[in-house]
Every structure is written in structure tokens, then in C-alpha cells.
Amino acid sequence: MAQTKFDKQVEETAESVAFGIGRFLAGQPMDGVKRTDATFWRSGTRVLPKVEGRVSRSSYRAGWKRLTFRISMLAALGGGGYQAGWVHQDATVATVQEIWADPEPALAALEQTGIAAASTAAISTAAYLALTRKRRELMREWVLPLHEALALPLRLPEQTRIPATP
């Protein structure tokens, strides 16, 4: 019996979902494109040949680290959803109805929280820039020129990550 168009779509969708779950659990990139020499147990240091464009920092992480991050985020979201939607369902519904009926207090709280978050971000950024100034100067004056000078003779790909300095 021939497959209908709908059956083919269902089969392709199921296959894509299965591959997605497999990539998720293997700590591989979710788009399936391997960009670095990272494995499940070892962090990557080089970009694979024929990879173009910018490579994200997570591509250099070992697969177990990516998997740990993914599972942790999934657990946090699932736990929060469980608490809000099942354990404290009545309180959640009452709060949403309250906000829907009178949004002014919620908006005022969001304004104050936004100001506090922006202030914290500005202060944190200033502190980070002040504390890491020497490291940035070292990278700019010594490490980057040395990396650029050695990349051609050693035939390193252009996107090779420079190891972090203390």
C-alpha cells in the first residue's frame, strides 16, 4: 500500500523529533552541524575545516557540559511550571485574574524592577571592566598579535579559539 502525503509528513516529523531528542541527550549542537573538535568528554579547541562564520562559545564546550546545562534548564522550567500550574493552581489563577482586572500595581512593580535591574547591570558592567582591564590589555598587546603571527605558519583555522589567560 502506498503512503499518503500525510503519512510521509508524520514519518518525517517523527524522525526529526527523534533526532532532536538524540542530539539533546548526546550534548550535540541542536542543528546537527559540528563546528569544533569538541567531543562528549573533552572540550574543543579548534574549529573544524570548512566551517565559515562565527562559532558560538557553547560549541567549544564538552557534550556533557552542554547536556548538564540543557537538563538543568529543562528541570527548572518544568519545576516552575509544575509549581505554578498544578501545586498552586488556585493562587496562580487568582493572581492572573487580579492582574487582568487591575494592571496598574503590576506595571508599577515592573517599572521599579526595571530601574533596579538596569542599575545593577550598569554597576556590574563597570566593576567587570575595571577588574578585567589588565587581562584585556595583555590580550590586546601580547596574546592576539602572537596568535595572528603564529596562525599562518601553524596553519590554524582563522576561528581557532585563543585559550583563556589567568
Protein backbone atom coordinates (compact mmCIF):
# COMPACT_ATOMS: atom_id res chain seq x y z
CA MET A 1 0.00 0.00 0.00
CA ALA A 2 1.36 3.43 -0.96
CA GLN A 3 2.00 6.07 1.66
CA THR A 4 -0.14 9.16 1.55
CA LYS A 5 1.32 12.64 1.76
CA PHE A 6 0.08 12.95 5.35
CA ASP A 7 1.76 9.65 6.34
CA LYS A 8 5.07 10.87 4.88
CA GLN A 9 4.80 14.14 6.79
CA VAL A 10 4.07 12.30 10.04
CA GLU A 11 7.02 9.97 9.44
CA GLU A 12 9.39 12.87 8.68
CA THR A 13 8.19 14.78 11.75
CA ALA A 14 8.65 11.74 14.00
CA GLU A 15 12.14 11.21 12.58
CA SER A 16 13.06 14.87 13.17
CA VAL A 17 11.77 14.71 16.75
CA ALA A 18 13.73 11.50 17.40
CA PHE A 19 16.93 13.03 16.00
CA GLY A 20 16.34 16.19 18.05
CA ILE A 21 15.93 14.20 21.26
CA GLY A 22 19.05 12.20 20.42
CA ARG A 23 21.09 15.37 19.82
CA PHE A 24 19.74 16.89 23.02
CA LEU A 25 20.72 13.86 25.11
CA ALA A 26 24.11 13.49 23.38
CA GLY A 27 25.03 17.11 24.08
CA GLN A 28 25.47 17.77 20.35
CA PRO A 29 24.58 21.00 18.56
CA MET A 30 20.83 21.06 18.06
CA ASP A 31 21.12 21.99 14.37
CA GLY A 32 23.29 18.91 13.76
CA VAL A 33 26.25 20.86 12.36
CA LYS A 34 29.51 20.08 14.16
CA ARG A 35 31.71 23.19 14.20
CA THR A 36 34.55 22.32 16.61
CA ASP A 37 36.62 19.32 17.63
CA ALA A 38 34.74 19.01 20.95
CA THR A 39 33.60 15.55 21.97
CA PHE A 40 31.26 14.39 24.71
CA TRP A 41 34.03 14.19 27.32
CA ARG A 42 36.58 16.75 26.03
CA SER A 43 36.18 20.47 25.32
CA GLY A 44 37.02 21.73 21.86
CA THR A 45 39.96 23.93 20.96
CA ARG A 46 39.76 24.21 17.18
CA VAL A 47 37.21 24.94 14.53
CA LEU A 48 36.76 22.16 12.01
CA PRO A 49 37.90 22.80 8.42
CA LYS A 50 35.34 24.30 6.03
CA VAL A 51 33.33 25.94 8.85
CA GLU A 52 32.54 29.51 7.95
CA GLY A 53 31.33 32.37 10.07
CA ARG A 54 31.38 32.92 13.78
CA VAL A 55 31.35 29.91 16.11
CA SER A 56 29.46 30.25 19.40
CA ARG A 57 31.16 29.70 22.73
CA SER A 58 28.90 26.77 23.55
CA SER A 59 30.29 24.88 20.54
CA TYR A 60 33.63 24.61 22.35
CA ARG A 61 32.10 23.08 25.48
CA ALA A 62 32.23 19.34 26.08
CA GLY A 63 28.99 17.50 25.34
CA TRP A 64 28.43 16.57 28.98
CA LYS A 65 28.58 20.24 29.95
CA ARG A 66 26.02 21.16 27.28
CA LEU A 67 23.82 18.27 28.37
CA THR A 68 24.05 19.34 32.03
CA PHE A 69 23.03 22.89 31.13
CA ARG A 70 20.12 21.68 28.96
CA ILE A 71 18.79 19.26 31.57
CA SER A 72 19.14 21.89 34.33
CA MET A 73 17.18 24.47 32.33
CA LEU A 74 14.54 21.89 31.42
CA ALA A 75 14.20 20.86 35.08
CA ALA A 76 13.94 24.47 36.25
CA LEU A 77 11.26 25.28 33.69
CA GLY A 78 9.40 22.06 34.39
CA GLY A 79 9.58 22.57 38.16
CA GLY A 80 8.36 26.15 37.88
CA GLY A 81 5.53 25.14 35.58
CA TYR A 82 4.56 22.29 37.88
CA GLN A 83 4.51 24.58 40.92
CA ALA A 84 2.52 27.32 39.20
CA GLY A 85 0.15 25.13 37.20
CA TRP A 86 -0.50 22.19 39.47
CA VAL A 87 0.53 22.67 43.10
CA HIS A 88 -0.53 26.33 43.42
CA GLN A 89 -3.13 26.34 40.68
CA ASP A 90 -5.74 28.33 42.63
CA ALA A 91 -3.25 31.02 43.65
CA THR A 92 -1.94 31.29 40.07
CA VAL A 93 -5.44 31.70 38.63
CA ALA A 94 -6.36 34.25 41.30
CA THR A 95 -3.19 36.26 40.66
CA VAL A 96 -3.74 36.30 36.90
CA GLN A 97 -7.37 37.40 37.36
CA GLU A 98 -6.23 40.12 39.76
CA ILE A 99 -3.63 41.45 37.33
CA TRP A 100 -6.08 41.27 34.44
CA ALA A 101 -8.67 43.27 36.39
CA ASP A 102 -6.24 45.96 37.64
CA PRO A 103 -2.85 46.02 35.86
CA GLU A 104 -1.60 49.30 37.41
CA PRO A 105 0.12 47.81 40.52
CA ALA A 106 1.85 45.16 38.38
CA LEU A 107 3.07 47.80 35.91
CA ALA A 108 4.38 49.97 38.76
CA ALA A 109 6.26 47.00 40.19
CA LEU A 110 7.71 46.21 36.74
CA GLU A 111 8.89 49.82 36.37
CA GLN A 112 10.69 49.75 39.72
CA THR A 113 12.17 46.33 38.98
CA GLY A 114 13.35 47.52 35.57
CA ILE A 115 15.11 50.51 37.08
CA ALA A 116 16.76 48.28 39.70
CA ALA A 117 17.84 45.75 37.05
CA ALA A 118 19.29 48.45 34.78
CA SER A 119 21.19 50.00 37.70
CA THR A 120 22.56 46.62 38.77
CA ALA A 121 23.63 45.81 35.21
CA ALA A 122 25.39 49.18 34.85
CA ILE A 123 27.26 48.81 38.14
CA SER A 124 28.19 45.19 37.40
CA THR A 125 29.48 46.09 33.95
CA ALA A 126 31.59 48.94 35.32
CA ALA A 127 33.05 46.67 38.01
CA TYR A 128 33.78 43.90 35.49
CA LEU A 129 35.51 46.32 33.13
CA ALA A 130 37.60 47.75 35.96
CA LEU A 131 38.62 44.34 37.30
CA THR A 132 39.49 42.80 33.93
CA ARG A 133 41.39 45.76 32.46
CA LYS A 134 44.81 44.16 32.89
CA ARG A 135 43.68 40.94 31.24
CA ARG A 136 42.24 42.81 28.24
CA GLU A 137 45.45 44.81 27.87
CA LEU A 138 47.52 41.62 27.99
CA MET A 139 45.33 40.01 25.35
CA ARG A 140 45.44 43.10 23.09
CA GLU A 141 49.19 43.76 23.41
CA TRP A 142 50.65 40.24 23.53
CA VAL A 143 48.34 37.29 23.00
CA LEU A 144 46.40 38.44 19.93
CA PRO A 145 49.46 39.61 17.96
CA LEU A 146 51.26 36.37 18.85
CA HIS A 147 48.23 34.33 17.80
CA GLU A 148 47.98 36.20 14.50
CA ALA A 149 51.70 35.77 13.83
CA LEU A 150 51.66 32.03 14.53
CA ALA A 151 48.33 31.18 12.89
CA LEU A 152 49.67 31.21 9.33
CA PRO A 153 52.86 29.14 9.88
CA LEU A 154 50.97 26.62 12.02
CA ARG A 155 48.05 26.53 9.55
CA LEU A 156 45.47 27.19 12.23
CA PRO A 157 41.93 28.00 11.09
CA GLU A 158 41.00 31.64 11.45
CA GLN A 159 38.31 30.89 14.04
CA THR A 160 40.58 28.92 16.42
CA ARG A 161 39.84 29.93 19.97
CA ILE A 162 42.61 31.52 21.98
CA PRO A 163 42.87 29.81 25.39
CA ALA A 164 41.83 31.94 28.36
CA THR A 165 44.66 33.55 30.27
CA PRO A 166 44.66 33.84 34.09
